[in-house]
N, C-alpha and C. Protein backbone atom coordinates (compact mmCIF):
# COMPACT_ATOMS: atom_id res chain seq x y z
N MET A 1 -29.71 -34.66 -0.97
CA MET A 1 -28.78 -34.92 0.04
C MET A 1 -27.77 -33.60 0.24
N SER A 2 -27.73 -33.39 1.51
CA SER A 2 -26.74 -32.31 1.62
C SER A 2 -25.26 -32.69 1.95
N ALA A 3 -24.45 -31.68 1.57
CA ALA A 3 -22.93 -31.85 1.67
C ALA A 3 -22.46 -32.09 2.90
N SER A 4 -21.39 -32.84 3.00
CA SER A 4 -20.86 -33.06 4.21
C SER A 4 -19.96 -31.95 4.73
N LYS A 5 -19.56 -31.66 5.95
CA LYS A 5 -18.61 -30.46 6.30
C LYS A 5 -17.32 -30.58 5.82
N ASP A 6 -16.90 -31.84 5.58
CA ASP A 6 -15.67 -32.16 4.70
C ASP A 6 -15.67 -31.60 3.36
N ASN A 7 -16.80 -31.83 2.88
CA ASN A 7 -17.05 -31.22 1.35
C ASN A 7 -17.64 -29.90 1.16
N ALA A 8 -17.71 -29.08 2.13
CA ALA A 8 -18.39 -27.76 2.10
C ALA A 8 -17.41 -26.88 1.54
N GLU A 9 -17.98 -25.78 0.49
CA GLU A 9 -17.20 -24.92 0.07
C GLU A 9 -16.45 -24.02 1.08
N PRO A 10 -15.02 -23.83 1.13
CA PRO A 10 -14.35 -23.25 2.07
C PRO A 10 -14.79 -21.56 2.29
N GLY A 11 -15.30 -20.99 1.14
CA GLY A 11 -15.90 -19.62 1.15
C GLY A 11 -17.18 -19.59 2.34
N LEU A 12 -18.07 -20.77 2.33
CA LEU A 12 -19.39 -21.02 3.04
C LEU A 12 -18.83 -21.17 4.50
N GLU A 13 -17.85 -21.78 4.58
CA GLU A 13 -17.30 -22.27 6.06
C GLU A 13 -16.73 -21.13 6.68
N ILE A 14 -16.08 -20.10 5.85
CA ILE A 14 -15.45 -18.81 6.36
C ILE A 14 -16.63 -18.08 6.77
N GLY A 15 -17.48 -17.73 5.94
CA GLY A 15 -18.78 -16.67 5.96
C GLY A 15 -19.48 -17.43 7.30
N ALA A 16 -19.54 -18.67 7.67
CA ALA A 16 -20.53 -19.10 8.93
C ALA A 16 -19.65 -18.75 9.93
N ARG A 17 -18.19 -19.03 9.92
CA ARG A 17 -17.50 -18.84 11.15
C ARG A 17 -17.48 -17.20 11.42
N LEU A 18 -17.29 -16.33 10.24
CA LEU A 18 -17.36 -14.80 10.54
C LEU A 18 -18.77 -14.49 11.28
N ARG A 19 -19.76 -15.03 10.59
CA ARG A 19 -21.05 -14.77 11.18
C ARG A 19 -21.26 -15.11 12.86
N THR A 20 -20.71 -16.31 13.02
CA THR A 20 -20.69 -16.71 14.43
C THR A 20 -19.86 -16.04 15.41
N LEU A 21 -18.60 -15.68 14.72
CA LEU A 21 -17.79 -14.75 15.75
C LEU A 21 -18.33 -13.33 15.87
N ARG A 22 -19.15 -12.67 14.77
CA ARG A 22 -19.70 -11.66 15.06
C ARG A 22 -20.73 -11.24 15.87
N GLN A 23 -21.71 -12.47 15.78
CA GLN A 23 -22.94 -12.37 16.52
C GLN A 23 -22.31 -12.71 18.12
N HIS A 24 -21.27 -13.73 18.32
CA HIS A 24 -21.11 -13.99 19.42
C HIS A 24 -20.55 -12.72 20.37
N ARG A 25 -19.92 -11.69 19.63
CA ARG A 25 -19.59 -10.37 20.15
C ARG A 25 -20.52 -9.52 20.16
N SER A 26 -21.58 -9.85 19.56
CA SER A 26 -22.79 -8.94 19.64
C SER A 26 -22.48 -7.65 18.65
N TRP A 27 -21.67 -7.89 17.68
CA TRP A 27 -21.26 -6.78 16.94
C TRP A 27 -22.18 -6.72 15.51
N SER A 28 -22.68 -5.43 15.31
CA SER A 28 -23.18 -5.31 14.04
C SER A 28 -22.27 -5.40 12.81
N LEU A 29 -23.01 -5.28 11.79
CA LEU A 29 -21.65 -5.41 10.50
C LEU A 29 -21.16 -3.96 10.22
N ASN A 30 -22.03 -2.95 10.97
CA ASN A 30 -21.27 -1.77 10.93
C ASN A 30 -19.84 -1.65 11.72
N LEU A 31 -20.41 -2.14 13.07
CA LEU A 31 -19.19 -2.24 14.21
C LEU A 31 -18.02 -3.31 13.65
N ALA A 32 -18.28 -4.31 13.05
CA ALA A 32 -17.48 -5.13 12.35
C ALA A 32 -16.53 -4.60 11.45
N ALA A 33 -17.26 -3.63 10.66
CA ALA A 33 -16.32 -3.13 9.51
C ALA A 33 -15.51 -2.12 10.07
N GLU A 34 -16.11 -1.22 11.17
CA GLU A 34 -15.19 -0.21 11.65
C GLU A 34 -13.87 -1.00 12.24
N ASN A 35 -13.99 -2.03 12.95
CA ASN A 35 -13.04 -2.84 13.87
C ASN A 35 -12.01 -3.41 12.77
N THR A 36 -12.48 -3.77 11.54
CA THR A 36 -11.54 -4.76 10.65
C THR A 36 -11.07 -3.71 9.43
N GLY A 37 -11.54 -2.65 9.21
CA GLY A 37 -11.33 -2.07 7.96
C GLY A 37 -11.94 -2.52 6.84
N VAL A 38 -12.67 -3.84 6.64
CA VAL A 38 -13.23 -4.23 5.49
C VAL A 38 -14.91 -3.63 5.74
N SER A 39 -15.13 -3.37 4.38
CA SER A 39 -16.40 -2.88 4.27
C SER A 39 -17.77 -3.74 4.58
N LYS A 40 -18.67 -3.04 5.36
CA LYS A 40 -19.98 -3.94 5.61
C LYS A 40 -20.16 -4.71 4.26
N ALA A 41 -20.24 -3.98 3.27
CA ALA A 41 -20.95 -4.73 2.24
C ALA A 41 -19.72 -6.10 1.84
N MET A 42 -18.74 -5.91 1.99
CA MET A 42 -17.92 -7.16 1.81
C MET A 42 -18.19 -8.07 2.95
N LEU A 43 -18.17 -7.70 4.13
CA LEU A 43 -18.28 -8.53 5.33
C LEU A 43 -19.82 -9.45 5.03
N GLY A 44 -20.78 -8.72 4.50
CA GLY A 44 -22.07 -9.32 4.31
C GLY A 44 -22.18 -10.33 3.09
N GLN A 45 -21.11 -10.12 2.30
CA GLN A 45 -20.84 -10.93 1.02
C GLN A 45 -20.28 -12.20 1.48
N ILE A 46 -19.27 -11.92 2.41
CA ILE A 46 -18.45 -13.09 2.73
C ILE A 46 -19.44 -14.03 3.90
N GLU A 47 -19.99 -13.35 4.86
CA GLU A 47 -20.89 -14.20 5.50
C GLU A 47 -21.92 -14.92 4.63
N ARG A 48 -22.41 -14.48 3.65
CA ARG A 48 -23.54 -15.12 2.91
C ARG A 48 -22.75 -16.11 1.87
N GLY A 49 -21.58 -16.18 1.87
CA GLY A 49 -20.74 -17.02 0.82
C GLY A 49 -20.80 -16.58 -0.45
N GLU A 50 -21.19 -15.09 -0.61
CA GLU A 50 -21.20 -14.64 -2.23
C GLU A 50 -19.89 -14.24 -2.47
N SER A 51 -18.89 -14.38 -1.34
CA SER A 51 -17.64 -13.74 -2.08
C SER A 51 -16.63 -14.32 -1.14
N SER A 52 -15.44 -14.90 -1.93
CA SER A 52 -14.30 -15.42 -1.11
C SER A 52 -12.99 -14.40 -0.81
N PRO A 53 -12.92 -14.17 0.62
CA PRO A 53 -12.18 -13.31 0.78
C PRO A 53 -10.41 -13.59 0.40
N THR A 54 -9.87 -12.57 0.43
CA THR A 54 -8.42 -12.74 0.07
C THR A 54 -7.66 -12.89 1.05
N VAL A 55 -6.46 -13.42 1.03
CA VAL A 55 -5.68 -13.48 2.23
C VAL A 55 -5.50 -12.12 3.04
N ALA A 56 -5.53 -11.08 2.33
CA ALA A 56 -5.15 -9.71 3.00
C ALA A 56 -6.60 -9.35 3.76
N THR A 57 -7.84 -9.66 3.30
CA THR A 57 -8.96 -9.52 4.01
C THR A 57 -9.34 -10.35 5.21
N LEU A 58 -8.64 -11.61 4.97
CA LEU A 58 -8.84 -12.36 6.30
C LEU A 58 -7.93 -12.01 7.34
N TRP A 59 -6.81 -11.46 7.05
CA TRP A 59 -5.71 -10.89 7.96
C TRP A 59 -6.69 -9.67 8.81
N LYS A 60 -7.06 -8.77 7.73
CA LYS A 60 -7.79 -7.73 8.38
C LYS A 60 -9.00 -8.04 9.42
N ILE A 61 -9.69 -9.03 8.86
CA ILE A 61 -10.80 -9.61 9.84
C ILE A 61 -10.32 -10.30 10.99
N ALA A 62 -9.13 -10.94 10.91
CA ALA A 62 -8.73 -11.49 11.97
C ALA A 62 -7.94 -10.60 13.02
N THR A 63 -7.54 -9.61 12.53
CA THR A 63 -6.62 -8.63 13.47
C THR A 63 -7.85 -7.57 14.01
N GLY A 64 -9.01 -7.52 13.25
CA GLY A 64 -10.07 -6.68 14.01
C GLY A 64 -10.84 -7.50 15.06
N PHE A 65 -10.89 -8.38 14.94
CA PHE A 65 -11.32 -9.30 15.61
C PHE A 65 -10.51 -9.98 16.97
N GLU A 66 -9.30 -9.83 16.70
CA GLU A 66 -8.30 -10.22 17.49
C GLU A 66 -8.33 -11.75 17.77
N VAL A 67 -8.37 -12.44 16.54
CA VAL A 67 -8.29 -14.01 16.80
C VAL A 67 -7.32 -14.40 15.62
N PRO A 68 -6.84 -15.56 15.86
CA PRO A 68 -5.83 -16.16 14.94
C PRO A 68 -6.54 -16.28 13.58
N MET A 69 -5.64 -16.26 12.64
CA MET A 69 -6.53 -16.50 11.09
C MET A 69 -6.96 -17.80 10.88
N SER A 70 -6.37 -18.75 11.38
CA SER A 70 -6.87 -20.11 11.08
C SER A 70 -8.31 -20.71 11.78
N SER A 71 -8.55 -19.55 12.96
CA SER A 71 -10.01 -19.71 13.41
C SER A 71 -11.00 -19.38 12.33
N LEU A 72 -10.63 -18.50 11.39
CA LEU A 72 -11.61 -18.44 10.40
C LEU A 72 -11.42 -19.34 9.45
N ILE A 73 -10.57 -20.24 9.23
CA ILE A 73 -10.51 -21.19 8.16
C ILE A 73 -10.98 -22.43 8.65
N GLU A 74 -10.50 -22.96 9.81
CA GLU A 74 -10.78 -24.02 10.44
C GLU A 74 -11.19 -24.36 11.87
N ASP A 75 -12.02 -25.32 12.25
CA ASP A 75 -12.14 -25.40 13.60
C ASP A 75 -10.86 -25.79 14.35
N SER A 76 -10.68 -25.28 15.34
CA SER A 76 -9.69 -25.63 16.57
C SER A 76 -9.75 -26.92 16.91
N PRO A 77 -8.68 -27.68 17.29
CA PRO A 77 -8.66 -28.84 18.00
C PRO A 77 -9.49 -28.84 19.21
N VAL A 78 -10.19 -29.88 19.51
CA VAL A 78 -10.57 -30.00 20.78
C VAL A 78 -9.78 -30.12 22.01
N ASP A 79 -9.15 -31.64 21.99
CA ASP A 79 -8.47 -32.09 22.86
C ASP A 79 -7.52 -33.19 22.33
N GLY A 80 -6.45 -33.32 22.92
CA GLY A 80 -5.77 -34.60 22.31
C GLY A 80 -4.82 -34.46 21.13
N VAL A 81 -4.47 -35.31 20.53
CA VAL A 81 -3.30 -35.45 19.26
C VAL A 81 -4.09 -35.10 18.01
N VAL A 82 -3.57 -34.16 17.32
CA VAL A 82 -3.80 -33.63 15.93
C VAL A 82 -2.69 -34.19 14.97
N GLN A 83 -3.18 -34.82 14.13
CA GLN A 83 -1.96 -35.29 13.19
C GLN A 83 -2.72 -34.93 11.62
N ARG A 84 -1.74 -34.45 10.78
CA ARG A 84 -1.91 -33.88 9.47
C ARG A 84 -1.18 -34.73 8.61
N GLU A 85 -1.88 -35.30 7.34
CA GLU A 85 -1.01 -36.14 6.46
C GLU A 85 -1.32 -35.25 5.05
N PRO A 86 -0.24 -35.08 4.78
CA PRO A 86 0.04 -34.16 3.35
C PRO A 86 -1.36 -34.20 2.42
N HIS A 87 -1.49 -35.57 2.12
CA HIS A 87 -2.75 -35.65 0.96
C HIS A 87 -3.99 -35.24 1.65
N LEU A 88 -4.18 -35.19 3.04
CA LEU A 88 -5.73 -34.69 3.52
C LEU A 88 -5.65 -32.85 3.42
N ARG A 89 -4.73 -32.54 3.35
CA ARG A 89 -4.75 -30.90 3.24
C ARG A 89 -5.60 -30.36 2.11
N ARG A 90 -6.55 -29.33 2.05
CA ARG A 90 -7.35 -29.03 1.16
C ARG A 90 -6.84 -27.53 0.93
N VAL A 91 -7.00 -27.07 -0.17
CA VAL A 91 -6.66 -25.38 -0.53
C VAL A 91 -7.92 -24.83 0.17
N ALA A 92 -7.45 -23.78 1.07
CA ALA A 92 -8.52 -22.98 1.72
C ALA A 92 -8.83 -21.54 1.05
N ILE A 93 -7.44 -21.03 0.61
CA ILE A 93 -7.60 -19.67 -0.13
C ILE A 93 -6.56 -19.86 -1.16
N SER A 94 -7.12 -19.31 -2.38
CA SER A 94 -6.07 -19.47 -3.54
C SER A 94 -6.51 -17.99 -4.14
N GLU A 95 -5.40 -17.30 -4.15
CA GLU A 95 -5.76 -16.09 -4.87
C GLU A 95 -4.73 -15.83 -5.61
N SER A 96 -4.67 -15.25 -7.16
CA SER A 96 -3.76 -15.47 -8.16
C SER A 96 -3.00 -16.31 -8.14
N ARG A 97 -1.62 -16.19 -7.77
CA ARG A 97 -0.62 -17.16 -7.87
C ARG A 97 -0.10 -17.56 -6.53
N LEU A 98 -0.92 -16.98 -5.43
CA LEU A 98 -0.43 -17.44 -4.08
C LEU A 98 -1.29 -18.56 -3.69
N LYS A 99 -0.96 -19.58 -3.06
CA LYS A 99 -2.03 -20.82 -2.67
C LYS A 99 -1.64 -20.84 -0.95
N LEU A 100 -2.61 -20.62 -0.33
CA LEU A 100 -2.34 -20.87 1.19
C LEU A 100 -3.38 -22.10 1.32
N TRP A 101 -2.61 -23.28 2.00
CA TRP A 101 -3.17 -24.35 1.95
C TRP A 101 -4.14 -24.37 3.43
N LYS A 102 -5.01 -25.22 3.72
CA LYS A 102 -5.59 -25.19 5.11
C LYS A 102 -4.37 -25.18 6.00
N PRO A 103 -4.65 -24.68 7.09
CA PRO A 103 -3.69 -24.79 8.32
C PRO A 103 -3.14 -26.39 8.53
N LEU A 104 -1.92 -26.51 8.67
CA LEU A 104 -1.42 -27.86 8.90
C LEU A 104 -1.71 -28.10 10.24
N PHE A 105 -1.78 -27.28 11.10
CA PHE A 105 -2.36 -27.14 12.45
C PHE A 105 -2.91 -25.84 12.91
N SER A 106 -4.39 -25.98 13.27
CA SER A 106 -4.92 -24.98 13.51
C SER A 106 -4.69 -24.27 14.81
N PHE A 107 -5.19 -23.08 15.21
CA PHE A 107 -4.61 -22.28 16.34
C PHE A 107 -4.89 -23.34 17.85
N ASP A 108 -3.98 -23.45 18.63
CA ASP A 108 -3.94 -24.14 19.73
C ASP A 108 -4.06 -23.23 20.74
N PRO A 109 -5.04 -23.16 21.53
CA PRO A 109 -5.10 -22.16 22.50
C PRO A 109 -4.03 -22.42 23.69
N ALA A 110 -3.67 -23.73 23.94
CA ALA A 110 -2.63 -23.99 24.87
C ALA A 110 -1.45 -23.37 24.66
N THR A 111 -0.85 -23.57 23.30
CA THR A 111 0.34 -22.95 23.04
C THR A 111 0.33 -21.67 22.37
N GLY A 112 -0.78 -21.27 21.98
CA GLY A 112 -0.84 -19.82 20.97
C GLY A 112 -0.18 -20.04 19.68
N ILE A 113 -0.14 -20.99 19.10
CA ILE A 113 0.34 -21.19 17.87
C ILE A 113 -0.55 -21.92 16.87
N GLU A 114 -0.39 -21.30 15.19
CA GLU A 114 -1.02 -22.03 14.21
C GLU A 114 -0.06 -22.30 13.50
N VAL A 115 0.01 -23.27 12.70
CA VAL A 115 0.89 -23.64 11.50
C VAL A 115 0.09 -23.46 9.91
N PHE A 116 0.80 -22.79 9.21
CA PHE A 116 0.37 -22.88 7.87
C PHE A 116 1.33 -23.36 6.99
N VAL A 117 0.91 -24.17 5.76
CA VAL A 117 1.99 -24.32 4.68
C VAL A 117 1.28 -23.48 3.55
N ILE A 118 2.30 -22.82 3.08
CA ILE A 118 2.17 -21.96 1.96
C ILE A 118 2.99 -22.22 0.76
N ASP A 119 2.46 -22.09 -0.39
CA ASP A 119 3.11 -22.31 -1.61
C ASP A 119 2.99 -20.87 -2.36
N LEU A 120 4.15 -20.74 -2.60
CA LEU A 120 4.35 -19.22 -3.52
C LEU A 120 4.88 -19.32 -4.82
N LEU A 121 4.22 -19.26 -5.76
CA LEU A 121 4.38 -19.46 -6.91
C LEU A 121 5.58 -18.57 -7.72
N PRO A 122 6.35 -19.01 -8.82
CA PRO A 122 7.17 -17.94 -9.04
C PRO A 122 6.67 -16.52 -9.77
N GLY A 123 7.40 -15.71 -9.41
CA GLY A 123 7.26 -14.21 -9.50
C GLY A 123 6.14 -13.63 -8.59
N GLN A 124 5.66 -14.40 -7.61
CA GLN A 124 4.47 -13.94 -6.80
C GLN A 124 5.11 -13.27 -5.66
N GLU A 125 4.46 -12.08 -5.18
CA GLU A 125 4.88 -11.53 -3.72
C GLU A 125 3.76 -11.09 -3.15
N ARG A 126 3.88 -11.12 -1.71
CA ARG A 126 2.77 -10.97 -0.85
C ARG A 126 3.19 -10.33 0.30
N MET A 127 2.79 -9.03 0.43
CA MET A 127 3.02 -8.00 1.42
C MET A 127 2.02 -8.11 2.49
N SER A 128 2.31 -8.16 3.78
CA SER A 128 1.57 -8.40 4.91
C SER A 128 1.57 -7.08 5.94
N PRO A 129 0.31 -6.72 6.20
CA PRO A 129 0.35 -5.60 7.26
C PRO A 129 0.81 -6.14 8.51
N ALA A 130 1.08 -5.30 9.38
CA ALA A 130 1.66 -5.66 10.82
C ALA A 130 0.22 -6.50 11.42
N HIS A 131 0.66 -7.25 12.42
CA HIS A 131 -0.70 -8.13 12.73
C HIS A 131 -0.54 -7.38 14.20
N GLN A 132 -1.66 -8.11 15.24
CA GLN A 132 -1.82 -7.46 16.53
C GLN A 132 -0.48 -7.40 17.28
N ALA A 133 -0.33 -6.61 18.14
CA ALA A 133 0.86 -6.39 18.91
C ALA A 133 1.33 -7.67 19.67
N GLY A 134 2.61 -8.08 19.72
CA GLY A 134 3.11 -9.21 20.29
C GLY A 134 2.90 -10.37 19.36
N VAL A 135 2.36 -10.38 18.16
CA VAL A 135 2.45 -11.79 17.46
C VAL A 135 3.90 -12.02 16.75
N SER A 136 4.31 -13.06 16.81
CA SER A 136 5.59 -13.36 16.26
C SER A 136 5.40 -14.60 14.91
N GLU A 137 6.24 -14.46 13.86
CA GLU A 137 6.08 -15.65 12.98
C GLU A 137 7.44 -16.23 13.00
N HIS A 138 7.29 -17.62 12.52
CA HIS A 138 8.65 -18.35 12.36
C HIS A 138 8.48 -18.97 10.92
N ILE A 139 9.50 -18.76 9.85
CA ILE A 139 9.35 -19.16 8.50
C ILE A 139 10.36 -20.16 8.49
N ILE A 140 9.95 -21.24 7.83
CA ILE A 140 10.94 -22.26 7.64
C ILE A 140 10.87 -22.68 6.20
N VAL A 141 11.81 -22.58 5.41
CA VAL A 141 11.58 -22.75 4.02
C VAL A 141 11.74 -24.49 3.89
N ILE A 142 10.84 -25.04 2.99
CA ILE A 142 10.80 -26.27 2.73
C ILE A 142 11.56 -26.70 1.72
N SER A 143 11.09 -25.95 0.50
CA SER A 143 11.83 -25.99 -1.00
C SER A 143 11.55 -24.76 -1.63
N GLY A 144 12.60 -24.51 -2.56
CA GLY A 144 12.69 -23.61 -3.42
C GLY A 144 13.40 -22.40 -2.65
N GLN A 145 13.03 -21.06 -2.86
CA GLN A 145 14.07 -20.00 -2.68
C GLN A 145 12.94 -18.91 -1.92
N LEU A 146 13.02 -18.24 -1.02
CA LEU A 146 12.01 -17.39 -0.67
C LEU A 146 12.64 -16.16 -0.24
N ASP A 147 12.35 -14.82 -0.70
CA ASP A 147 12.82 -13.46 -0.38
C ASP A 147 11.81 -12.99 0.72
N PHE A 148 12.43 -12.68 1.67
CA PHE A 148 11.56 -12.23 2.95
C PHE A 148 11.98 -10.84 3.40
N CYS A 149 11.04 -10.12 3.59
CA CYS A 149 11.15 -8.65 3.87
C CYS A 149 10.82 -8.27 5.36
N VAL A 150 11.42 -7.50 6.20
CA VAL A 150 10.93 -6.90 7.33
C VAL A 150 11.63 -5.56 7.34
N LYS A 151 10.64 -4.55 7.78
CA LYS A 151 11.26 -3.31 7.86
C LYS A 151 12.14 -2.75 6.37
N GLU A 152 11.23 -3.14 5.43
CA GLU A 152 11.85 -2.77 4.04
C GLU A 152 13.22 -3.47 3.77
N HIS A 153 13.82 -4.31 4.63
CA HIS A 153 14.88 -4.94 4.31
C HIS A 153 14.54 -6.28 4.07
N TRP A 154 15.05 -6.77 2.39
CA TRP A 154 14.89 -8.08 1.86
C TRP A 154 15.98 -8.81 2.20
N GLN A 155 15.85 -10.34 2.31
CA GLN A 155 17.04 -11.24 2.59
C GLN A 155 16.41 -12.65 1.87
N VAL A 156 17.38 -13.40 1.54
CA VAL A 156 17.03 -14.52 0.68
C VAL A 156 17.17 -15.74 1.54
N LEU A 157 16.35 -16.78 1.69
CA LEU A 157 16.34 -17.92 2.52
C LEU A 157 15.98 -19.10 1.47
N GLY A 158 16.82 -20.03 1.55
CA GLY A 158 17.00 -21.38 0.92
C GLY A 158 16.34 -22.45 1.62
N ALA A 159 16.11 -23.57 0.89
CA ALA A 159 15.60 -24.60 1.63
C ALA A 159 16.29 -25.13 2.80
N GLY A 160 15.53 -25.24 3.87
CA GLY A 160 16.31 -25.73 5.16
C GLY A 160 16.66 -24.55 6.04
N GLU A 161 16.19 -23.26 5.44
CA GLU A 161 16.69 -21.95 6.38
C GLU A 161 15.29 -21.49 6.85
N GLY A 162 15.60 -20.69 8.10
CA GLY A 162 14.49 -20.21 8.61
C GLY A 162 14.69 -18.66 9.11
N ILE A 163 13.59 -18.33 9.65
CA ILE A 163 13.70 -16.84 10.18
C ILE A 163 12.68 -16.70 11.29
N ARG A 164 12.85 -16.09 12.34
CA ARG A 164 11.87 -15.67 13.39
C ARG A 164 11.87 -14.19 13.64
N PHE A 165 10.69 -13.64 13.49
CA PHE A 165 10.58 -12.01 13.84
C PHE A 165 9.40 -11.76 14.42
N ARG A 166 9.21 -10.32 14.69
CA ARG A 166 7.86 -9.83 15.31
C ARG A 166 6.91 -9.33 13.92
N ALA A 167 6.07 -9.96 14.36
CA ALA A 167 4.89 -9.85 13.02
C ALA A 167 4.01 -8.73 13.23
N ASP A 168 4.29 -7.85 14.27
CA ASP A 168 3.36 -6.62 14.47
C ASP A 168 4.00 -5.48 13.65
N GLN A 169 4.74 -5.71 12.71
CA GLN A 169 5.36 -4.76 11.94
C GLN A 169 5.13 -5.38 10.64
N SER A 170 5.29 -4.42 9.38
CA SER A 170 4.93 -4.67 8.09
C SER A 170 5.99 -5.76 7.59
N HIS A 171 5.51 -6.97 6.86
CA HIS A 171 6.68 -7.78 6.49
C HIS A 171 6.12 -8.41 4.98
N GLY A 172 6.90 -9.13 4.31
CA GLY A 172 6.44 -9.65 2.98
C GLY A 172 7.46 -10.70 2.57
N TYR A 173 6.67 -11.63 1.74
CA TYR A 173 7.15 -12.66 1.20
C TYR A 173 7.24 -12.40 -0.22
N ARG A 174 8.42 -13.05 -1.03
CA ARG A 174 8.59 -13.14 -2.46
C ARG A 174 9.22 -14.19 -2.90
N ASN A 175 8.61 -14.55 -4.05
CA ASN A 175 9.40 -15.90 -4.85
C ASN A 175 10.04 -15.36 -6.09
N SER A 176 11.28 -14.88 -5.92
CA SER A 176 12.13 -14.48 -7.26
C SER A 176 12.73 -15.55 -8.12
N GLY A 177 12.64 -16.84 -7.66
CA GLY A 177 13.07 -17.95 -8.35
C GLY A 177 12.40 -18.57 -9.46
N ASP A 178 12.71 -19.79 -10.03
CA ASP A 178 11.98 -20.31 -11.11
C ASP A 178 10.94 -21.51 -10.85
N LEU A 179 11.16 -21.94 -9.28
CA LEU A 179 10.36 -23.11 -8.88
C LEU A 179 9.58 -22.51 -7.75
N THR A 180 8.46 -23.32 -7.57
CA THR A 180 7.30 -23.05 -6.40
C THR A 180 8.01 -23.13 -5.10
N CYS A 181 8.02 -22.06 -4.42
CA CYS A 181 8.74 -22.29 -2.93
C CYS A 181 7.35 -22.61 -1.92
N CYS A 182 7.86 -23.51 -1.21
CA CYS A 182 6.88 -23.99 -0.14
C CYS A 182 7.50 -23.66 1.15
N PHE A 183 6.68 -23.29 2.00
CA PHE A 183 7.38 -22.84 3.11
C PHE A 183 6.37 -22.82 4.51
N HIS A 184 6.74 -23.30 5.71
CA HIS A 184 5.84 -23.21 6.80
C HIS A 184 5.83 -21.98 7.63
N ASN A 185 4.82 -21.34 7.83
CA ASN A 185 4.62 -20.21 8.45
C ASN A 185 3.81 -20.43 10.11
N ILE A 186 4.82 -20.49 11.04
CA ILE A 186 4.51 -20.59 12.41
C ILE A 186 4.06 -19.45 13.05
N ILE A 187 2.98 -19.27 13.58
CA ILE A 187 2.41 -17.79 14.04
C ILE A 187 2.13 -18.14 15.67
N HIS A 188 2.68 -17.15 16.20
CA HIS A 188 2.54 -17.39 17.66
C HIS A 188 1.74 -15.97 18.10
N TYR A 189 0.68 -16.23 19.10
CA TYR A 189 -0.15 -15.27 19.48
C TYR A 189 0.07 -14.81 20.87
N PRO A 190 0.44 -13.86 21.50
CA PRO A 190 0.47 -13.80 22.80
C PRO A 190 -0.88 -13.96 23.63
N GLU A 191 -0.75 -14.28 24.93
CA GLU A 191 -2.10 -14.33 25.66
C GLU A 191 -2.62 -13.08 25.63
């Protein structure tokens, strides 16, 4: 009996999406490696489901292909209303002490927006390279405390606080508190 799509391993789904995206563009693995900064060997391993990419690797791939990151993790909605319930979310990526849940809402071409729910465990820091030109992010802290950095300037955000910034510059997130920090990350891509 074959596994249903809902029960498929996230790494296999990401690999299949990467392969489809690369083939749709008629890119060889060499060309994909040049455009993403991810080695040909690593791209091949991801496509075959032999390696699960880190968040940093997924961002490099998404930036190189100029696609939203959620398009590598989850299918985009076709039409109509999309509703997410917290108990339906599955972990898509987990590296070290950072847990990135499946997108709350995957990329919507009509709005240019995707929404992630991210849990950052105590002591964890995640630095992000600049995204494509014009990309912006909105961070809303749901629980805990989040240290946020842009242009090497750190500031602290508590539950209920948020920030909007240009994400086409390096930025980062850190949890210096004692509790897990949960935040929503709304990413807007220009047309």
